[in-house]
Amino acid sequence: MSKKHRYLAILLILILAMTTFLTGCGGAGEEPPVDPQGGEQIEQPLDEVTGEETDSEEPEAGDGEVAGDSETDGNVVTETENENGGQGDVEYSESQGMKIDEETGKDQFLTDPVPAGKPIPVEPQHAVITDKQLTCTLTITCKTILDNIDDLDPEKVELIPEDGVILAKKTVTFYEGENVFQLLRRETKANKIHMEFEDTPIYNSAYIEGIHNLYEFDCGELSGWMYKVNGWYPNYGCSRYQLKEGDEVEWIYTCDLGRDIGGRNVLE
């Protein structure tokens, strides 16, 4: 080999060695991660300021926000202690035909046992309504708002009667087998009193949202409508309370979750 050719060979070897050295020092970047579900490559997000890759993190919980999934009890009717009602009695409730789940302590519609001597709920789909006419009394009041008028929605002030009575106590007729909701619906319509409700399948009952254009939360966060029969606030929906001859039914607006009208929810 001539001296000229030997120099060219040495130069070529040096060039190849330099190329190999530079490549091994990071000339190529890392491959982006692979999506384990679809096998596709995922691009890492870039920082808007630096242009560098950033780690993607789950957002933290802030005011009014929830990080991840959350569950709510969705306005579950809780056990109720009344001035003259007492605590729920499992043995009594089961003896009357109420089926209580041993694990939850409630029936299939999330209702606690009723106090001894009180009527158990009757599912409206099982009720047998006859043509026999019976009578009871009905009253609708919002007297507690008079004591909490400063908390009332200003647009609703003119709706409040001076004495807080929307429908004075009156004797009304119902058919054997009907429930409190059916009575309220018929009588508010007959007396031209506004009433709005929502069906709540989880409790198998209608929920009364507003009467006389007075709605829940109109007079504070703990305000809304409750019903009372013969001095007792039932711990189940009005569609499940089957009426009897001579019942005294009252619909009363509360501003304090029942505490201001003789019904106190026991949250455990």
C-alpha atoms as a PDB file:
ATOM      1  CA  MET A   1       0.000   0.000   0.000  1.00  0.00           C
ATOM      2  CA  SER A   2       1.394   3.410  -0.912  1.00  0.00           C
ATOM      3  CA  LYS A   3       2.010   6.062   1.731  1.00  0.00           C
ATOM      4  CA  LYS A   4      -0.857   8.162   0.285  1.00  0.00           C
ATOM      5  CA  HIS A   5      -3.355   5.329   0.581  1.00  0.00           C
ATOM      6  CA  ARG A   6      -2.198   4.561   4.149  1.00  0.00           C
ATOM      7  CA  TYR A   7      -2.923   8.167   5.243  1.00  0.00           C
ATOM      8  CA  LEU A   8      -6.428   8.015   3.716  1.00  0.00           C
ATOM      9  CA  ALA A   9      -7.185   4.751   5.587  1.00  0.00           C
ATOM     10  CA  ILE A  10      -6.059   6.247   8.916  1.00  0.00           C
ATOM     11  CA  LEU A  11      -8.170   9.373   8.317  1.00  0.00           C
ATOM     12  CA  LEU A  12     -11.273   7.263   7.572  1.00  0.00           C
ATOM     13  CA  ILE A  13     -10.780   5.248  10.779  1.00  0.00           C
ATOM     14  CA  LEU A  14     -10.537   8.467  12.831  1.00  0.00           C
ATOM     15  CA  ILE A  15     -13.729   9.859  11.289  1.00  0.00           C
ATOM     16  CA  LEU A  16     -15.661   6.652  12.069  1.00  0.00           C
ATOM     17  CA  ALA A  17     -14.367   6.659  15.662  1.00  0.00           C
ATOM     18  CA  MET A  18     -15.467  10.276  16.247  1.00  0.00           C
ATOM     19  CA  THR A  19     -18.939   9.584  14.838  1.00  0.00           C
ATOM     20  CA  THR A  20     -19.390   6.576  17.136  1.00  0.00           C
ATOM     21  CA  PHE A  21     -18.261   8.593  20.178  1.00  0.00           C
ATOM     22  CA  LEU A  22     -20.667  11.486  19.529  1.00  0.00           C
ATOM     23  CA  THR A  23     -23.639   9.152  19.018  1.00  0.00           C
ATOM     24  CA  GLY A  24     -23.007   7.413  22.350  1.00  0.00           C
ATOM     25  CA  CYS A  25     -23.022  10.737  24.256  1.00  0.00           C
ATOM     26  CA  GLY A  26     -26.749  11.388  23.803  1.00  0.00           C
ATOM     27  CA  GLY A  27     -27.310  12.326  20.227  1.00  0.00           C
ATOM     28  CA  ALA A  28     -30.698  10.488  20.203  1.00  0.00           C
ATOM     29  CA  GLY A  29     -33.449  11.291  22.787  1.00  0.00           C
ATOM     30  CA  GLU A  30     -35.511   8.802  24.830  1.00  0.00           C
ATOM     31  CA  GLU A  31     -38.568   7.277  23.193  1.00  0.00           C
ATOM     32  CA  PRO A  32     -41.881   8.492  24.586  1.00  0.00           C
ATOM     33  CA  PRO A  33     -43.793   6.056  26.834  1.00  0.00           C
ATOM     34  CA  VAL A  34     -46.197   3.582  25.304  1.00  0.00           C
ATOM     35  CA  ASP A  35     -49.884   3.488  26.098  1.00  0.00           C
ATOM     36  CA  PRO A  36     -50.431   0.048  27.734  1.00  0.00           C
ATOM     37  CA  GLN A  37     -54.035  -0.050  26.463  1.00  0.00           C
ATOM     38  CA  GLY A  38     -53.540   0.604  22.762  1.00  0.00           C
ATOM     39  CA  GLY A  39     -49.777   0.315  22.248  1.00  0.00           C
ATOM     40  CA  GLU A  40     -49.619   3.884  20.941  1.00  0.00           C
ATOM     41  CA  GLN A  41     -46.974   6.355  21.973  1.00  0.00           C
ATOM     42  CA  ILE A  42     -48.055   9.160  24.247  1.00  0.00           C
ATOM     43  CA  GLU A  43     -46.588  12.624  23.933  1.00  0.00           C
ATOM     44  CA  GLN A  44     -45.502  14.153  27.222  1.00  0.00           C
ATOM     45  CA  PRO A  45     -46.948  17.642  27.795  1.00  0.00           C
ATOM     46  CA  LEU A  46     -44.537  20.557  27.489  1.00  0.00           C
ATOM     47  CA  ASP A  47     -44.187  23.345  29.974  1.00  0.00           C
ATOM     48  CA  GLU A  48     -45.624  26.485  28.356  1.00  0.00           C
ATOM     49  CA  VAL A  49     -42.758  28.629  29.645  1.00  0.00           C
ATOM     50  CA  THR A  50     -39.652  26.421  29.449  1.00  0.00           C
ATOM     51  CA  GLY A  51     -40.729  24.094  26.655  1.00  0.00           C
ATOM     52  CA  GLU A  52     -39.571  21.148  28.767  1.00  0.00           C
ATOM     53  CA  GLU A  53     -41.570  18.010  29.421  1.00  0.00           C
ATOM     54  CA  THR A  54     -43.669  18.052  32.569  1.00  0.00           C
ATOM     55  CA  ASP A  55     -45.259  15.304  34.643  1.00  0.00           C
ATOM     56  CA  SER A  56     -49.056  15.104  34.306  1.00  0.00           C
ATOM     57  CA  GLU A  57     -50.718  15.030  37.756  1.00  0.00           C
ATOM     58  CA  GLU A  58     -54.288  14.672  38.980  1.00  0.00           C
ATOM     59  CA  PRO A  59     -55.802  18.031  40.001  1.00  0.00           C
ATOM     60  CA  GLU A  60     -56.046  18.660  43.719  1.00  0.00           C
ATOM     61  CA  ALA A  61     -59.386  19.301  45.389  1.00  0.00           C
ATOM     62  CA  GLY A  62     -60.168  22.976  45.723  1.00  0.00           C
ATOM     63  CA  ASP A  63     -63.103  25.028  46.955  1.00  0.00           C
ATOM     64  CA  GLY A  64     -66.243  23.641  45.416  1.00  0.00           C
ATOM     65  CA  GLU A  65     -64.359  20.917  43.594  1.00  0.00           C
ATOM     66  CA  VAL A  66     -63.863  17.216  44.177  1.00  0.00           C
ATOM     67  CA  ALA A  67     -60.749  15.333  43.132  1.00  0.00           C
ATOM     68  CA  GLY A  68     -61.746  11.954  41.715  1.00  0.00           C
ATOM     69  CA  ASP A  69     -65.093  10.214  42.093  1.00  0.00           C
ATOM     70  CA  SER A  70     -67.343  10.988  45.027  1.00  0.00           C
ATOM     71  CA  GLU A  71     -70.579   9.523  46.360  1.00  0.00           C
ATOM     72  CA  THR A  72     -73.422  11.276  48.086  1.00  0.00           C
ATOM     73  CA  ASP A  73     -76.339   9.913  50.040  1.00  0.00           C
ATOM     74  CA  GLY A  74     -78.690  11.923  47.900  1.00  0.00           C
ATOM     75  CA  ASN A  75     -81.088  13.371  50.447  1.00  0.00           C
ATOM     76  CA  VAL A  76     -81.629  10.098  52.297  1.00  0.00           C
ATOM     77  CA  VAL A  77     -84.447  10.141  54.811  1.00  0.00           C
ATOM     78  CA  THR A  78     -82.864   9.564  58.207  1.00  0.00           C
ATOM     79  CA  GLU A  79     -84.230   8.229  61.442  1.00  0.00           C
ATOM     80  CA  THR A  80     -86.512  10.785  63.032  1.00  0.00           C
ATOM     81  CA  GLU A  81     -87.079  11.553  66.683  1.00  0.00           C
ATOM     82  CA  ASN A  82     -90.289  13.483  67.336  1.00  0.00           C
ATOM     83  CA  GLU A  83     -91.568  15.217  70.432  1.00  0.00           C
ATOM     84  CA  ASN A  84     -94.026  12.349  70.912  1.00  0.00           C
ATOM     85  CA  GLY A  85     -92.780   9.759  68.413  1.00  0.00           C
ATOM     86  CA  GLY A  86     -89.683   8.177  69.943  1.00  0.00           C
ATOM     87  CA  GLN A  87     -86.986   6.041  68.364  1.00  0.00           C
ATOM     88  CA  GLY A  88     -87.492   3.439  65.651  1.00  0.00           C
ATOM     89  CA  ASP A  89     -88.366  -0.060  66.885  1.00  0.00           C
ATOM     90  CA  VAL A  90     -87.040  -2.921  64.721  1.00  0.00           C
ATOM     91  CA  GLU A  91     -89.023  -5.686  66.410  1.00  0.00           C
ATOM     92  CA  TYR A  92     -92.278  -3.756  66.213  1.00  0.00           C
ATOM     93  CA  SER A  93     -91.695  -2.685  62.594  1.00  0.00           C
ATOM     94  CA  GLU A  94     -90.964  -6.246  61.468  1.00  0.00           C
ATOM     95  CA  SER A  95     -94.010  -7.559  63.320  1.00  0.00           C
ATOM     96  CA  GLN A  96     -96.118  -5.132  61.275  1.00  0.00           C
ATOM     97  CA  GLY A  97     -94.660  -6.436  58.011  1.00  0.00           C
ATOM     98  CA  MET A  98     -91.751  -4.058  57.425  1.00  0.00           C
ATOM     99  CA  LYS A  99     -88.732  -5.897  55.984  1.00  0.00           C
ATOM    100  CA  ILE A 100     -85.542  -4.579  57.584  1.00  0.00           C
ATOM    101  CA  ASP A 101     -82.160  -5.462  56.115  1.00  0.00           C
ATOM    102  CA  GLU A 102     -79.839  -6.806  58.838  1.00  0.00           C
ATOM    103  CA  GLU A 103     -76.776  -5.101  57.358  1.00  0.00           C
ATOM    104  CA  THR A 104     -78.195  -1.629  56.702  1.00  0.00           C
ATOM    105  CA  GLY A 105     -80.867  -1.529  59.391  1.00  0.00           C
ATOM    106  CA  LYS A 106     -83.254  -0.075  56.802  1.00  0.00           C
ATOM    107  CA  ASP A 107     -85.859  -1.344  54.364  1.00  0.00           C
ATOM    108  CA  GLN A 108     -85.334  -1.529  50.600  1.00  0.00           C
ATOM    109  CA  PHE A 109     -86.237   2.157  50.231  1.00  0.00           C
ATOM    110  CA  LEU A 110     -83.711   3.312  52.856  1.00  0.00           C
ATOM    111  CA  THR A 111     -86.274   3.841  55.609  1.00  0.00           C
ATOM    112  CA  ASP A 112     -85.438   3.258  59.266  1.00  0.00           C
ATOM    113  CA  PRO A 113     -87.810   1.250  61.492  1.00  0.00           C
ATOM    114  CA  VAL A 114     -90.782   3.244  62.766  1.00  0.00           C
ATOM    115  CA  PRO A 115     -91.447   3.893  66.469  1.00  0.00           C
ATOM    116  CA  ALA A 116     -93.690   1.388  68.240  1.00  0.00           C
ATOM    117  CA  GLY A 117     -97.349   2.074  67.623  1.00  0.00           C
ATOM    118  CA  LYS A 118     -96.799   4.104  64.440  1.00  0.00           C
ATOM    119  CA  PRO A 119     -97.939   2.984  60.972  1.00  0.00           C
ATOM    120  CA  ILE A 120     -95.346   1.388  58.719  1.00  0.00           C
ATOM    121  CA  PRO A 121     -95.027   2.579  55.115  1.00  0.00           C
ATOM    122  CA  VAL A 122     -97.368   1.136  52.492  1.00  0.00           C
ATOM    123  CA  GLU A 123     -95.961   1.055  48.974  1.00  0.00           C
ATOM    124  CA  PRO A 124     -98.268   2.994  46.636  1.00  0.00           C
ATOM    125  CA  GLN A 125     -98.004   0.354  43.913  1.00  0.00           C
ATOM    126  CA  HIS A 126     -99.448  -2.203  46.347  1.00  0.00           C
ATOM    127  CA  ALA A 127    -102.266  -0.043  47.694  1.00  0.00           C
ATOM    128  CA  VAL A 128    -105.852  -1.030  46.908  1.00  0.00           C
ATOM    129  CA  ILE A 129    -108.039   2.043  46.480  1.00  0.00           C
ATOM    130  CA  THR A 130    -111.745   1.519  46.846  1.00  0.00           C
ATOM    131  CA  ASP A 131    -114.734   3.782  46.233  1.00  0.00           C
ATOM    132  CA  LYS A 132    -115.392   4.076  49.970  1.00  0.00           C
ATOM    133  CA  GLN A 133    -115.215   7.713  51.028  1.00  0.00           C
ATOM    134  CA  LEU A 134    -113.541   8.659  54.297  1.00  0.00           C
ATOM    135  CA  THR A 135    -112.618  11.991  55.877  1.00  0.00           C
ATOM    136  CA  CYS A 136    -109.573  13.590  57.447  1.00  0.00           C
ATOM    137  CA  THR A 137    -108.346  17.121  58.080  1.00  0.00           C
ATOM    138  CA  LEU A 138    -105.694  19.030  56.122  1.00  0.00           C
ATOM    139  CA  THR A 139    -103.696  22.131  57.065  1.00  0.00           C
ATOM    140  CA  ILE A 140    -100.884  23.972  55.238  1.00  0.00           C
ATOM    141  CA  THR A 141     -98.840  26.572  57.123  1.00  0.00           C
ATOM    142  CA  CYS A 142     -95.566  28.506  56.928  1.00  0.00           C
ATOM    143  CA  LYS A 143     -95.597  30.271  60.294  1.00  0.00           C
ATOM    144  CA  THR A 144     -91.917  29.657  60.963  1.00  0.00           C
ATOM    145  CA  ILE A 145     -91.032  31.986  58.103  1.00  0.00           C
ATOM    146  CA  LEU A 146     -92.550  34.861  60.082  1.00  0.00           C
ATOM    147  CA  ASP A 147     -89.814  34.343  62.684  1.00  0.00           C
ATOM    148  CA  ASN A 148     -87.113  34.104  60.015  1.00  0.00           C
ATOM    149  CA  ILE A 149     -88.295  36.703  57.538  1.00  0.00           C
ATOM    150  CA  ASP A 150     -84.795  38.162  57.175  1.00  0.00           C
ATOM    151  CA  ASP A 151     -83.613  34.855  55.709  1.00  0.00           C
ATOM    152  CA  LEU A 152     -86.413  34.666  53.164  1.00  0.00           C
ATOM    153  CA  ASP A 153     -85.786  35.259  49.478  1.00  0.00           C
ATOM    154  CA  PRO A 154     -86.814  38.930  49.042  1.00  0.00           C
ATOM    155  CA  GLU A 155     -88.889  38.046  45.993  1.00  0.00           C
ATOM    156  CA  LYS A 156     -91.046  35.708  48.131  1.00  0.00           C
ATOM    157  CA  VAL A 157     -91.925  38.093  50.974  1.00  0.00           C
ATOM    158  CA  GLU A 158     -95.232  39.137  49.426  1.00  0.00           C
ATOM    159  CA  LEU A 159     -96.338  35.486  49.294  1.00  0.00           C
ATOM    160  CA  ILE A 160     -96.369  35.038  53.073  1.00  0.00           C
ATOM    161  CA  PRO A 161     -99.815  35.360  54.694  1.00  0.00           C
ATOM    162  CA  GLU A 162     -99.924  37.615  57.753  1.00  0.00           C
ATOM    163  CA  ASP A 163    -100.783  34.677  60.003  1.00  0.00           C
ATOM    164  CA  GLY A 164     -98.624  32.166  58.100  1.00  0.00           C
ATOM    165  CA  VAL A 165    -101.653  30.034  57.180  1.00  0.00           C
ATOM    166  CA  ILE A 166    -101.871  28.977  53.533  1.00  0.00           C
ATOM    167  CA  LEU A 167    -104.760  26.561  53.979  1.00  0.00           C
ATOM    168  CA  ALA A 168    -106.704  26.707  57.233  1.00  0.00           C
ATOM    169  CA  LYS A 169    -107.601  23.393  58.844  1.00  0.00           C
ATOM    170  CA  LYS A 170    -110.488  21.860  56.949  1.00  0.00           C
ATOM    171  CA  THR A 171    -112.207  18.513  56.729  1.00  0.00           C
ATOM    172  CA  VAL A 172    -111.642  16.835  53.374  1.00  0.00           C
ATOM    173  CA  THR A 173    -112.731  13.625  51.710  1.00  0.00           C
ATOM    174  CA  PHE A 174    -110.453  10.853  50.461  1.00  0.00           C
ATOM    175  CA  TYR A 175    -110.907   7.306  49.207  1.00  0.00           C
ATOM    176  CA  GLU A 176    -109.934   4.285  51.227  1.00  0.00           C
ATOM    177  CA  GLY A 177    -106.388   3.244  50.299  1.00  0.00           C
ATOM    178  CA  GLU A 178    -105.178   6.697  49.252  1.00  0.00           C
ATOM    179  CA  ASN A 179    -102.013   8.258  50.630  1.00  0.00           C
ATOM    180  CA  VAL A 180    -100.966  11.689  51.890  1.00  0.00           C
ATOM    181  CA  PHE A 181     -99.494  12.722  48.540  1.00  0.00           C
ATOM    182  CA  GLN A 182    -102.672  11.921  46.616  1.00  0.00           C
ATOM    183  CA  LEU A 183    -104.662  13.946  49.121  1.00  0.00           C
ATOM    184  CA  LEU A 184    -102.312  16.944  48.906  1.00  0.00           C
ATOM    185  CA  ARG A 185    -102.264  16.887  45.124  1.00  0.00           C
ATOM    186  CA  ARG A 186    -106.029  16.834  44.836  1.00  0.00           C
ATOM    187  CA  GLU A 187    -106.718  19.455  47.522  1.00  0.00           C
ATOM    188  CA  THR A 188    -104.095  21.981  46.366  1.00  0.00           C
ATOM    189  CA  LYS A 189    -105.547  21.772  42.873  1.00  0.00           C
ATOM    190  CA  ALA A 190    -109.098  22.153  44.180  1.00  0.00           C
ATOM    191  CA  ASN A 191    -108.101  25.193  46.249  1.00  0.00           C
ATOM    192  CA  LYS A 192    -105.974  26.713  43.466  1.00  0.00           C
ATOM    193  CA  ILE A 193    -102.790  26.477  45.538  1.00  0.00           C
ATOM    194  CA  HIS A 194     -99.544  25.988  43.641  1.00  0.00           C
ATOM    195  CA  MET A 195     -97.741  22.696  44.379  1.00  0.00           C
ATOM    196  CA  GLU A 196     -94.676  21.172  42.742  1.00  0.00           C
ATOM    197  CA  PHE A 197     -93.200  17.749  43.366  1.00  0.00           C
ATOM    198  CA  GLU A 198     -90.575  15.367  42.074  1.00  0.00           C
ATOM    199  CA  ASP A 199     -90.761  11.582  41.941  1.00  0.00           C
ATOM    200  CA  THR A 200     -87.877   9.944  43.821  1.00  0.00           C
ATOM    201  CA  PRO A 201     -87.769   6.231  42.907  1.00  0.00           C
ATOM    202  CA  ILE A 202     -84.976   5.503  45.385  1.00  0.00           C
ATOM    203  CA  TYR A 203     -87.440   6.346  48.185  1.00  0.00           C
ATOM    204  CA  ASN A 204     -90.525   5.177  46.259  1.00  0.00           C
ATOM    205  CA  SER A 205     -92.274   8.454  46.938  1.00  0.00           C
ATOM    206  CA  ALA A 206     -92.995  11.910  45.647  1.00  0.00           C
ATOM    207  CA  TYR A 207     -90.884  14.694  47.154  1.00  0.00           C
ATOM    208  CA  ILE A 208     -92.662  18.006  47.676  1.00  0.00           C
ATOM    209  CA  GLU A 209     -90.420  20.782  46.374  1.00  0.00           C
ATOM    210  CA  GLY A 210     -92.762  23.737  46.730  1.00  0.00           C
ATOM    211  CA  ILE A 211     -96.220  24.793  47.907  1.00  0.00           C
ATOM    212  CA  HIS A 212     -97.721  28.266  47.365  1.00  0.00           C
ATOM    213  CA  ASN A 213     -94.531  29.064  45.380  1.00  0.00           C
ATOM    214  CA  LEU A 214     -92.472  28.594  48.542  1.00  0.00           C
ATOM    215  CA  TYR A 215     -89.659  26.146  47.844  1.00  0.00           C
ATOM    216  CA  GLU A 216     -86.959  24.375  49.771  1.00  0.00           C
ATOM    217  CA  PHE A 217     -84.034  26.687  50.572  1.00  0.00           C
ATOM    218  CA  ASP A 218     -86.166  29.809  50.075  1.00  0.00           C
ATOM    219  CA  CYS A 219     -85.678  30.653  53.755  1.00  0.00           C
ATOM    220  CA  GLY A 220     -82.201  29.312  54.449  1.00  0.00           C
ATOM    221  CA  GLU A 221     -80.147  26.203  53.724  1.00  0.00           C
ATOM    222  CA  LEU A 222     -82.202  24.054  56.131  1.00  0.00           C
ATOM    223  CA  SER A 223     -85.649  25.141  54.966  1.00  0.00           C
ATOM    224  CA  GLY A 224     -88.324  23.133  53.178  1.00  0.00           C
ATOM    225  CA  TRP A 225     -91.613  21.293  53.559  1.00  0.00           C
ATOM    226  CA  MET A 226     -92.398  18.511  56.041  1.00  0.00           C
ATOM    227  CA  TYR A 227     -95.603  16.647  56.733  1.00  0.00           C
ATOM    228  CA  LYS A 228     -97.123  15.588  60.007  1.00  0.00           C
ATOM    229  CA  VAL A 229     -99.923  13.115  60.703  1.00  0.00           C
ATOM    230  CA  ASN A 230    -101.641  12.955  64.087  1.00  0.00           C
ATOM    231  CA  GLY A 231     -98.749  14.823  65.680  1.00  0.00           C
ATOM    232  CA  TRP A 232     -96.013  12.582  64.221  1.00  0.00           C
ATOM    233  CA  TYR A 233     -93.510  13.385  61.494  1.00  0.00           C
ATOM    234  CA  PRO A 234     -93.139  10.121  59.514  1.00  0.00           C
ATOM    235  CA  ASN A 235     -89.615   9.088  58.537  1.00  0.00           C
ATOM    236  CA  TYR A 236     -90.732   8.100  55.039  1.00  0.00           C
ATOM    237  CA  GLY A 237     -92.177   9.821  51.990  1.00  0.00           C
ATOM    238  CA  CYS A 238     -95.741  11.085  51.725  1.00  0.00           C
ATOM    239  CA  SER A 239     -96.602   8.638  48.915  1.00  0.00           C
ATOM    240  CA  ARG A 240     -96.049   5.766  51.368  1.00  0.00           C
ATOM    241  CA  TYR A 241     -98.273   7.040  54.183  1.00  0.00           C
ATOM    242  CA  GLN A 242    -101.697   5.461  53.769  1.00  0.00           C
ATOM    243  CA  LEU A 243    -104.504   7.546  55.202  1.00  0.00           C
ATOM    244  CA  LYS A 244    -107.070   6.382  57.751  1.00  0.00           C
ATOM    245  CA  GLU A 245    -110.399   7.781  58.847  1.00  0.00           C
ATOM    246  CA  GLY A 246    -110.003  10.830  61.088  1.00  0.00           C
ATOM    247  CA  ASP A 247    -106.303  11.482  60.376  1.00  0.00           C
ATOM    248  CA  GLU A 248    -105.041  15.014  60.957  1.00  0.00           C
ATOM    249  CA  VAL A 249    -102.612  15.894  58.147  1.00  0.00           C
ATOM    250  CA  GLU A 250    -100.431  18.998  58.329  1.00  0.00           C
ATOM    251  CA  TRP A 251     -97.922  20.347  55.817  1.00  0.00           C
ATOM    252  CA  ILE A 252     -95.544  22.700  57.603  1.00  0.00           C
ATOM    253  CA  TYR A 253     -92.656  24.785  56.324  1.00  0.00           C
ATOM    254  CA  THR A 254     -89.502  24.456  58.409  1.00  0.00           C
ATOM    255  CA  CYS A 255     -86.542  26.832  58.483  1.00  0.00           C
ATOM    256  CA  ASP A 256     -84.314  24.554  60.569  1.00  0.00           C
ATOM    257  CA  LEU A 257     -84.601  20.971  59.290  1.00  0.00           C
ATOM    258  CA  GLY A 258     -87.646  20.347  61.479  1.00  0.00           C
ATOM    259  CA  ARG A 259     -86.172  21.488  64.781  1.00  0.00           C
ATOM    260  CA  ASP A 260     -88.339  24.605  64.801  1.00  0.00           C
ATOM    261  CA  ILE A 261     -91.582  22.679  64.292  1.00  0.00           C
ATOM    262  CA  GLY A 262     -91.159  19.747  66.668  1.00  0.00           C
ATOM    263  CA  GLY A 263     -89.425  17.267  64.376  1.00  0.00           C
ATOM    264  CA  ARG A 264     -85.680  16.664  64.842  1.00  0.00           C
ATOM    265  CA  ASN A 265     -83.609  14.548  62.453  1.00  0.00           C
ATOM    266  CA  VAL A 266     -81.176  12.238  64.195  1.00  0.00           C
ATOM    267  CA  LEU A 267     -78.067  11.967  62.020  1.00  0.00           C
ATOM    268  CA  GLU A 268     -75.879   9.029  63.002  1.00  0.00           C
END
